[in-house]
């Protein structure tokens, strides 16, 4: 869901930032964002150039990760993937449909999932099941070779996120991988940052790694997304490729 954001001004919280998350407020915010069915920029607002850099970085990272997993095919398409926090299907269209035979989607905003239901990819059978629900409510019904989770876990509390990661871990095939791509906190005190505009939390790298460990996941690979213009002063974005411990 939440794609990019400038660094918000923050004060040290008196309560954990994730305790402030309000799912209803998050949904109200994203329901106010237009869904652009033609160029898939509904999530990107004033940054239309962002998607090209973003998708190129994701493809490069995934290619590296596939070479690190024993018995994972490094050529051709994987079997089934799922786009978690899919929005209008920007990542499904620009990446996952090119690397997976079938792509399911999970997204809580109904007008965004309707864009996917009306898409050419759905008519062609590339897009499989579409779940209109939050990640905190989604339980995988099948095994996946690739679970892609991008710019959305800030809307889950720490506890919900651990539970989500556990469900994903159990839904991976023998060579499956969970990829998490998220903004990183730049708080000078090393704290997670709460954003009241969309009721989300931007976590630190340390927090993510602690949550992965608690979920029984190991970090196979991790790196920063490169290529974003520095003058925009966007939050850093980091990839994590995760496998069961």
C-alpha atoms as a PDB file:
ATOM      1  CA  UNK A   1       0.000   0.000   0.000  1.00  0.00           C
ATOM      2  CA  UNK A   2       2.199   2.886   1.193  1.00  0.00           C
ATOM      3  CA  UNK A   3       4.699   3.338  -1.618  1.00  0.00           C
ATOM      4  CA  UNK A   4       6.994   6.298  -1.004  1.00  0.00           C
ATOM      5  CA  UNK A   5       7.201   9.117   1.468  1.00  0.00           C
ATOM      6  CA  UNK A   6       9.521  11.932   2.420  1.00  0.00           C
ATOM      7  CA  UNK A   7      11.053  11.642   5.854  1.00  0.00           C
ATOM      8  CA  UNK A   8       8.435  12.913   8.359  1.00  0.00           C
ATOM      9  CA  UNK A   9       9.405  15.037  11.319  1.00  0.00           C
ATOM     10  CA  UNK A  10       9.314  12.825  14.351  1.00  0.00           C
ATOM     11  CA  UNK A  11       9.456  13.121  18.126  1.00  0.00           C
ATOM     12  CA  UNK A  12      10.449  10.260  20.339  1.00  0.00           C
ATOM     13  CA  UNK A  13       7.174   8.402  20.958  1.00  0.00           C
ATOM     14  CA  UNK A  14       5.785   7.928  24.442  1.00  0.00           C
ATOM     15  CA  UNK A  15       4.159   4.695  23.220  1.00  0.00           C
ATOM     16  CA  UNK A  16       5.461   2.206  20.627  1.00  0.00           C
ATOM     17  CA  UNK A  17       4.835   3.623  17.135  1.00  0.00           C
ATOM     18  CA  UNK A  18       3.014   0.496  15.977  1.00  0.00           C
ATOM     19  CA  UNK A  19       0.493   0.910  18.825  1.00  0.00           C
ATOM     20  CA  UNK A  20      -0.804   4.000  17.013  1.00  0.00           C
ATOM     21  CA  UNK A  21      -1.727   2.107  13.852  1.00  0.00           C
ATOM     22  CA  UNK A  22      -5.424   2.474  13.020  1.00  0.00           C
ATOM     23  CA  UNK A  23      -6.527   0.156  10.201  1.00  0.00           C
ATOM     24  CA  UNK A  24      -9.731   2.083   9.598  1.00  0.00           C
ATOM     25  CA  UNK A  25      -7.768   5.325   9.197  1.00  0.00           C
ATOM     26  CA  UNK A  26      -5.370   3.608   6.791  1.00  0.00           C
ATOM     27  CA  UNK A  27      -8.240   2.398   4.643  1.00  0.00           C
ATOM     28  CA  UNK A  28      -9.839   5.849   4.605  1.00  0.00           C
ATOM     29  CA  UNK A  29      -6.562   7.315   3.384  1.00  0.00           C
ATOM     30  CA  UNK A  30      -6.038   4.785   0.594  1.00  0.00           C
ATOM     31  CA  UNK A  31      -9.658   4.969  -0.487  1.00  0.00           C
ATOM     32  CA  UNK A  32      -9.018   8.674  -1.115  1.00  0.00           C
ATOM     33  CA  UNK A  33      -6.172   7.869  -3.537  1.00  0.00           C
ATOM     34  CA  UNK A  34      -7.233   7.551  -7.198  1.00  0.00           C
ATOM     35  CA  UNK A  35      -6.650   4.244  -8.987  1.00  0.00           C
ATOM     36  CA  UNK A  36      -5.257   4.848 -12.479  1.00  0.00           C
ATOM     37  CA  UNK A  37      -6.044   1.774 -14.514  1.00  0.00           C
ATOM     38  CA  UNK A  38      -4.151   2.891 -17.601  1.00  0.00           C
ATOM     39  CA  UNK A  39      -0.620   3.611 -16.423  1.00  0.00           C
ATOM     40  CA  UNK A  40      -0.710   1.915 -13.009  1.00  0.00           C
ATOM     41  CA  UNK A  41       0.378   5.052 -11.189  1.00  0.00           C
ATOM     42  CA  UNK A  42      -2.411   5.188  -8.659  1.00  0.00           C
ATOM     43  CA  UNK A  43       0.052   4.456  -5.847  1.00  0.00           C
ATOM     44  CA  UNK A  44       2.793   6.776  -7.056  1.00  0.00           C
ATOM     45  CA  UNK A  45       1.233  10.215  -7.020  1.00  0.00           C
ATOM     46  CA  UNK A  46       3.673  12.820  -8.249  1.00  0.00           C
ATOM     47  CA  UNK A  47       6.519  10.341  -8.851  1.00  0.00           C
ATOM     48  CA  UNK A  48       5.747   8.666 -12.217  1.00  0.00           C
ATOM     49  CA  UNK A  49       9.469   8.066 -12.884  1.00  0.00           C
ATOM     50  CA  UNK A  50       9.708   6.053  -9.680  1.00  0.00           C
ATOM     51  CA  UNK A  51       8.171   2.900 -11.076  1.00  0.00           C
ATOM     52  CA  UNK A  52      10.839   2.343 -13.742  1.00  0.00           C
ATOM     53  CA  UNK A  53      13.694   2.555 -11.228  1.00  0.00           C
ATOM     54  CA  UNK A  54      11.774   0.545  -8.651  1.00  0.00           C
ATOM     55  CA  UNK A  55      10.907  -2.356 -10.958  1.00  0.00           C
ATOM     56  CA  UNK A  56      14.376  -2.527 -12.475  1.00  0.00           C
ATOM     57  CA  UNK A  57      15.890  -2.808  -8.993  1.00  0.00           C
ATOM     58  CA  UNK A  58      13.394  -5.501  -8.016  1.00  0.00           C
ATOM     59  CA  UNK A  59      14.104  -7.609 -11.086  1.00  0.00           C
ATOM     60  CA  UNK A  60      17.861  -7.408 -10.514  1.00  0.00           C
ATOM     61  CA  UNK A  61      17.505  -8.364  -6.847  1.00  0.00           C
ATOM     62  CA  UNK A  62      15.231 -11.317  -7.594  1.00  0.00           C
ATOM     63  CA  UNK A  63      17.638 -12.643 -10.218  1.00  0.00           C
ATOM     64  CA  UNK A  64      20.421 -12.618  -7.607  1.00  0.00           C
ATOM     65  CA  UNK A  65      18.244 -14.345  -5.033  1.00  0.00           C
ATOM     66  CA  UNK A  66      17.205 -17.170  -7.345  1.00  0.00           C
ATOM     67  CA  UNK A  67      20.866 -18.083  -7.818  1.00  0.00           C
ATOM     68  CA  UNK A  68      21.291 -18.363  -4.042  1.00  0.00           C
ATOM     69  CA  UNK A  69      18.543 -20.947  -3.474  1.00  0.00           C
ATOM     70  CA  UNK A  70      19.551 -24.575  -4.037  1.00  0.00           C
ATOM     71  CA  UNK A  71      17.495 -26.269  -6.764  1.00  0.00           C
ATOM     72  CA  UNK A  72      15.635 -23.043  -7.596  1.00  0.00           C
ATOM     73  CA  UNK A  73      15.471 -22.558 -11.382  1.00  0.00           C
ATOM     74  CA  UNK A  74      17.478 -19.541 -12.461  1.00  0.00           C
ATOM     75  CA  UNK A  75      15.933 -19.405 -15.941  1.00  0.00           C
ATOM     76  CA  UNK A  76      12.317 -19.199 -17.027  1.00  0.00           C
ATOM     77  CA  UNK A  77       9.291 -18.540 -14.890  1.00  0.00           C
ATOM     78  CA  UNK A  78       8.545 -19.665 -11.390  1.00  0.00           C
ATOM     79  CA  UNK A  79       5.235 -21.391 -10.786  1.00  0.00           C
ATOM     80  CA  UNK A  80       2.952 -19.361  -8.557  1.00  0.00           C
ATOM     81  CA  UNK A  81       3.591 -16.015  -6.907  1.00  0.00           C
ATOM     82  CA  UNK A  82       1.497 -13.628  -4.863  1.00  0.00           C
ATOM     83  CA  UNK A  83       1.580  -9.834  -4.748  1.00  0.00           C
ATOM     84  CA  UNK A  84       0.845  -8.804  -1.148  1.00  0.00           C
ATOM     85  CA  UNK A  85      -0.325  -5.220  -0.774  1.00  0.00           C
ATOM     86  CA  UNK A  86      -0.896  -5.254  -4.524  1.00  0.00           C
ATOM     87  CA  UNK A  87      -2.640  -1.909  -4.950  1.00  0.00           C
ATOM     88  CA  UNK A  88      -3.809  -1.645  -8.562  1.00  0.00           C
ATOM     89  CA  UNK A  89      -1.310  -4.253  -9.714  1.00  0.00           C
ATOM     90  CA  UNK A  90       1.682  -2.134 -10.617  1.00  0.00           C
ATOM     91  CA  UNK A  91       4.217  -4.711  -9.386  1.00  0.00           C
ATOM     92  CA  UNK A  92       2.144  -7.596 -10.723  1.00  0.00           C
ATOM     93  CA  UNK A  93       2.111  -6.038 -14.181  1.00  0.00           C
ATOM     94  CA  UNK A  94       5.665  -4.718 -14.230  1.00  0.00           C
ATOM     95  CA  UNK A  95       7.490  -7.605 -12.546  1.00  0.00           C
ATOM     96  CA  UNK A  96       5.644 -10.598 -11.150  1.00  0.00           C
ATOM     97  CA  UNK A  97       3.707 -11.457 -14.319  1.00  0.00           C
ATOM     98  CA  UNK A  98       7.081 -11.691 -16.075  1.00  0.00           C
ATOM     99  CA  UNK A  99       8.655 -14.043 -13.544  1.00  0.00           C
ATOM    100  CA  UNK A 100       5.687 -16.203 -12.441  1.00  0.00           C
ATOM    101  CA  UNK A 101       3.215 -18.250 -14.465  1.00  0.00           C
ATOM    102  CA  UNK A 102       0.346 -17.272 -12.144  1.00  0.00           C
ATOM    103  CA  UNK A 103       0.145 -14.353  -9.719  1.00  0.00           C
ATOM    104  CA  UNK A 104      -2.405 -14.074  -6.913  1.00  0.00           C
ATOM    105  CA  UNK A 105      -3.017 -10.704  -5.255  1.00  0.00           C
ATOM    106  CA  UNK A 106      -3.891  -9.493  -1.755  1.00  0.00           C
ATOM    107  CA  UNK A 107      -5.132  -5.919  -1.319  1.00  0.00           C
ATOM    108  CA  UNK A 108      -7.667  -4.433   1.150  1.00  0.00           C
ATOM    109  CA  UNK A 109      -8.975  -1.552  -1.003  1.00  0.00           C
ATOM    110  CA  UNK A 110     -11.812  -2.803  -3.186  1.00  0.00           C
ATOM    111  CA  UNK A 111     -11.492  -0.172  -5.914  1.00  0.00           C
ATOM    112  CA  UNK A 112      -7.853  -1.210  -6.391  1.00  0.00           C
ATOM    113  CA  UNK A 113      -8.655  -4.914  -6.649  1.00  0.00           C
ATOM    114  CA  UNK A 114     -11.396  -4.064  -9.142  1.00  0.00           C
ATOM    115  CA  UNK A 115      -8.722  -2.577 -11.416  1.00  0.00           C
ATOM    116  CA  UNK A 116      -6.944  -5.925 -11.305  1.00  0.00           C
ATOM    117  CA  UNK A 117     -10.156  -7.857 -11.951  1.00  0.00           C
ATOM    118  CA  UNK A 118     -10.725  -5.744 -15.070  1.00  0.00           C
ATOM    119  CA  UNK A 119      -7.132  -6.053 -16.304  1.00  0.00           C
ATOM    120  CA  UNK A 120      -5.840  -7.844 -19.382  1.00  0.00           C
ATOM    121  CA  UNK A 121      -3.664 -10.000 -17.126  1.00  0.00           C
ATOM    122  CA  UNK A 122      -6.767 -11.273 -15.335  1.00  0.00           C
ATOM    123  CA  UNK A 123      -8.529 -12.031 -18.609  1.00  0.00           C
ATOM    124  CA  UNK A 124      -5.445 -13.843 -19.860  1.00  0.00           C
ATOM    125  CA  UNK A 125      -5.283 -15.975 -16.732  1.00  0.00           C
ATOM    126  CA  UNK A 126      -1.961 -14.613 -15.479  1.00  0.00           C
ATOM    127  CA  UNK A 127      -3.638 -13.070 -12.450  1.00  0.00           C
ATOM    128  CA  UNK A 128      -5.176 -15.851 -10.408  1.00  0.00           C
ATOM    129  CA  UNK A 129      -7.003 -15.417  -7.117  1.00  0.00           C
ATOM    130  CA  UNK A 130      -7.625 -11.871  -5.876  1.00  0.00           C
ATOM    131  CA  UNK A 131      -8.206 -11.416  -2.156  1.00  0.00           C
ATOM    132  CA  UNK A 132      -9.764  -8.127  -1.057  1.00  0.00           C
ATOM    133  CA  UNK A 133      -8.510  -8.090   2.512  1.00  0.00           C
ATOM    134  CA  UNK A 134      -5.672  -6.828   4.669  1.00  0.00           C
ATOM    135  CA  UNK A 135      -2.536  -8.891   5.175  1.00  0.00           C
ATOM    136  CA  UNK A 136      -3.459  -9.268   8.838  1.00  0.00           C
ATOM    137  CA  UNK A 137      -6.536 -11.261   7.742  1.00  0.00           C
ATOM    138  CA  UNK A 138      -5.000 -13.252   4.867  1.00  0.00           C
ATOM    139  CA  UNK A 139      -4.200 -16.926   5.330  1.00  0.00           C
ATOM    140  CA  UNK A 140      -2.581 -18.499   2.234  1.00  0.00           C
ATOM    141  CA  UNK A 141      -4.667 -21.274   0.699  1.00  0.00           C
ATOM    142  CA  UNK A 142      -1.838 -22.712  -1.425  1.00  0.00           C
ATOM    143  CA  UNK A 143       1.943 -22.932  -1.654  1.00  0.00           C
ATOM    144  CA  UNK A 144       3.938 -20.186  -3.348  1.00  0.00           C
ATOM    145  CA  UNK A 145       7.298 -20.047  -5.087  1.00  0.00           C
ATOM    146  CA  UNK A 146       7.426 -16.294  -4.514  1.00  0.00           C
ATOM    147  CA  UNK A 147       5.633 -14.119  -1.968  1.00  0.00           C
ATOM    148  CA  UNK A 148       6.288 -10.477  -2.811  1.00  0.00           C
ATOM    149  CA  UNK A 149       5.446  -7.945  -0.078  1.00  0.00           C
ATOM    150  CA  UNK A 150       6.169  -4.316  -0.951  1.00  0.00           C
ATOM    151  CA  UNK A 151       5.342  -0.974   0.680  1.00  0.00           C
ATOM    152  CA  UNK A 152       2.502  -2.244   2.838  1.00  0.00           C
ATOM    153  CA  UNK A 153       3.671  -3.850   6.102  1.00  0.00           C
ATOM    154  CA  UNK A 154       3.804  -0.440   7.778  1.00  0.00           C
ATOM    155  CA  UNK A 155       0.056  -0.818   8.256  1.00  0.00           C
ATOM    156  CA  UNK A 156       0.497  -3.888  10.462  1.00  0.00           C
ATOM    157  CA  UNK A 157       1.467  -3.842  14.112  1.00  0.00           C
ATOM    158  CA  UNK A 158       4.625  -5.708  15.114  1.00  0.00           C
ATOM    159  CA  UNK A 159       2.550  -8.621  16.427  1.00  0.00           C
ATOM    160  CA  UNK A 160       0.403  -8.775  13.288  1.00  0.00           C
ATOM    161  CA  UNK A 161       3.527  -8.660  11.164  1.00  0.00           C
ATOM    162  CA  UNK A 162       5.120 -11.612  12.959  1.00  0.00           C
ATOM    163  CA  UNK A 163       1.904 -13.601  12.514  1.00  0.00           C
ATOM    164  CA  UNK A 164       1.815 -12.669   8.825  1.00  0.00           C
ATOM    165  CA  UNK A 165       5.439 -13.723   8.335  1.00  0.00           C
ATOM    166  CA  UNK A 166       4.764 -17.056  10.030  1.00  0.00           C
ATOM    167  CA  UNK A 167       1.843 -17.747   7.692  1.00  0.00           C
ATOM    168  CA  UNK A 168       4.009 -16.819   4.702  1.00  0.00           C
ATOM    169  CA  UNK A 169       6.838 -19.058   5.925  1.00  0.00           C
ATOM    170  CA  UNK A 170       4.470 -22.008   6.091  1.00  0.00           C
ATOM    171  CA  UNK A 171       3.130 -21.252   2.596  1.00  0.00           C
ATOM    172  CA  UNK A 172       6.484 -21.367   0.782  1.00  0.00           C
ATOM    173  CA  UNK A 173       7.362 -24.237  -1.529  1.00  0.00           C
ATOM    174  CA  UNK A 174      10.636 -26.132  -0.987  1.00  0.00           C
ATOM    175  CA  UNK A 175      12.482 -23.524  -3.069  1.00  0.00           C
ATOM    176  CA  UNK A 176      10.129 -20.629  -2.316  1.00  0.00           C
ATOM    177  CA  UNK A 177      11.194 -17.206  -1.105  1.00  0.00           C
ATOM    178  CA  UNK A 178       9.500 -14.318   0.665  1.00  0.00           C
ATOM    179  CA  UNK A 179      10.690 -10.899  -0.516  1.00  0.00           C
ATOM    180  CA  UNK A 180       9.981  -7.861   1.629  1.00  0.00           C
ATOM    181  CA  UNK A 181      10.697  -4.432   0.116  1.00  0.00           C
ATOM    182  CA  UNK A 182      10.098  -1.506   2.432  1.00  0.00           C
ATOM    183  CA  UNK A 183      11.021   2.036   3.367  1.00  0.00           C
ATOM    184  CA  UNK A 184      13.547   2.323   6.204  1.00  0.00           C
ATOM    185  CA  UNK A 185      13.360   4.624   9.211  1.00  0.00           C
ATOM    186  CA  UNK A 186      15.774   7.554   9.251  1.00  0.00           C
ATOM    187  CA  UNK A 187      14.969   8.586  12.807  1.00  0.00           C
ATOM    188  CA  UNK A 188      18.181  10.013  14.323  1.00  0.00           C
ATOM    189  CA  UNK A 189      17.550   8.075  17.553  1.00  0.00           C
ATOM    190  CA  UNK A 190      17.128   4.779  15.729  1.00  0.00           C
ATOM    191  CA  UNK A 191      13.389   4.519  16.371  1.00  0.00           C
ATOM    192  CA  UNK A 192      10.546   3.402  14.145  1.00  0.00           C
ATOM    193  CA  UNK A 193       8.613   6.380  12.739  1.00  0.00           C
ATOM    194  CA  UNK A 194       4.836   6.792  12.837  1.00  0.00           C
ATOM    195  CA  UNK A 195       3.128   8.698  10.013  1.00  0.00           C
ATOM    196  CA  UNK A 196      -0.345   9.936  10.909  1.00  0.00           C
ATOM    197  CA  UNK A 197      -1.194  10.804   7.293  1.00  0.00           C
ATOM    198  CA  UNK A 198      -1.859   7.174   6.383  1.00  0.00           C
ATOM    199  CA  UNK A 199      -1.534   5.644   9.878  1.00  0.00           C
ATOM    200  CA  UNK A 200       1.581   3.614   9.139  1.00  0.00           C
ATOM    201  CA  UNK A 201       4.954   2.843  10.700  1.00  0.00           C
ATOM    202  CA  UNK A 202       8.328   2.991   8.978  1.00  0.00           C
ATOM    203  CA  UNK A 203      10.616   0.522  10.728  1.00  0.00           C
ATOM    204  CA  UNK A 204      14.338   0.360  11.249  1.00  0.00           C
ATOM    205  CA  UNK A 205      16.498  -2.348   9.706  1.00  0.00           C
ATOM    206  CA  UNK A 206      17.166  -3.673  13.212  1.00  0.00           C
ATOM    207  CA  UNK A 207      13.438  -3.960  13.952  1.00  0.00           C
ATOM    208  CA  UNK A 208      12.793  -5.849  10.720  1.00  0.00           C
ATOM    209  CA  UNK A 209      15.584  -8.317  11.428  1.00  0.00           C
ATOM    210  CA  UNK A 210      14.277  -8.941  14.926  1.00  0.00           C
ATOM    211  CA  UNK A 211      10.780  -9.604  13.574  1.00  0.00           C
ATOM    212  CA  UNK A 212      12.142 -11.958  10.916  1.00  0.00           C
ATOM    213  CA  UNK A 213      14.035 -13.919  13.572  1.00  0.00           C
ATOM    214  CA  UNK A 214      10.957 -14.118  15.774  1.00  0.00           C
ATOM    215  CA  UNK A 215       9.008 -15.445  12.769  1.00  0.00           C
ATOM    216  CA  UNK A 216      11.444 -18.270  12.082  1.00  0.00           C
ATOM    217  CA  UNK A 217      12.852 -16.650   8.944  1.00  0.00           C
ATOM    218  CA  UNK A 218      16.475 -16.130   7.956  1.00  0.00           C
ATOM    219  CA  UNK A 219      17.735 -13.339   5.716  1.00  0.00           C
ATOM    220  CA  UNK A 220      19.151 -14.927   2.589  1.00  0.00           C
ATOM    221  CA  UNK A 221      20.050 -11.579   1.023  1.00  0.00           C
ATOM    222  CA  UNK A 222      19.447  -7.894   1.722  1.00  0.00           C
ATOM    223  CA  UNK A 223      20.408  -4.695  -0.045  1.00  0.00           C
ATOM    224  CA  UNK A 224      19.293  -1.126  -0.604  1.00  0.00           C
ATOM    225  CA  UNK A 225      17.416  -0.088  -3.720  1.00  0.00           C
ATOM    226  CA  UNK A 226      19.677   2.179  -5.765  1.00  0.00           C
ATOM    227  CA  UNK A 227      19.019   4.766  -8.432  1.00  0.00           C
ATOM    228  CA  UNK A 228      16.566   7.182  -6.849  1.00  0.00           C
ATOM    229  CA  UNK A 229      17.517  10.847  -7.342  1.00  0.00           C
ATOM    230  CA  UNK A 230      19.055  12.208  -4.149  1.00  0.00           C
ATOM    231  CA  UNK A 231      17.438  15.614  -4.543  1.00  0.00           C
ATOM    232  CA  UNK A 232      14.011  14.117  -3.784  1.00  0.00           C
ATOM    233  CA  UNK A 233      15.251  13.067  -0.324  1.00  0.00           C
ATOM    234  CA  UNK A 234      13.115   9.937  -0.276  1.00  0.00           C
ATOM    235  CA  UNK A 235      13.333   7.419   2.496  1.00  0.00           C
ATOM    236  CA  UNK A 236      15.838   4.625   1.814  1.00  0.00           C
ATOM    237  CA  UNK A 237      14.268   1.422   0.519  1.00  0.00           C
ATOM    238  CA  UNK A 238      15.638  -2.002   1.431  1.00  0.00           C
ATOM    239  CA  UNK A 239      15.057  -5.501   0.041  1.00  0.00           C
ATOM    240  CA  UNK A 240      15.020  -8.631   2.190  1.00  0.00           C
ATOM    241  CA  UNK A 241      14.925 -12.151   0.725  1.00  0.00           C
ATOM    242  CA  UNK A 242      13.689 -14.518   3.421  1.00  0.00           C
ATOM    243  CA  UNK A 243      13.659 -18.299   3.792  1.00  0.00           C
ATOM    244  CA  UNK A 244      12.606 -20.564   6.650  1.00  0.00           C
ATOM    245  CA  UNK A 245      15.323 -21.114   9.268  1.00  0.00           C
END
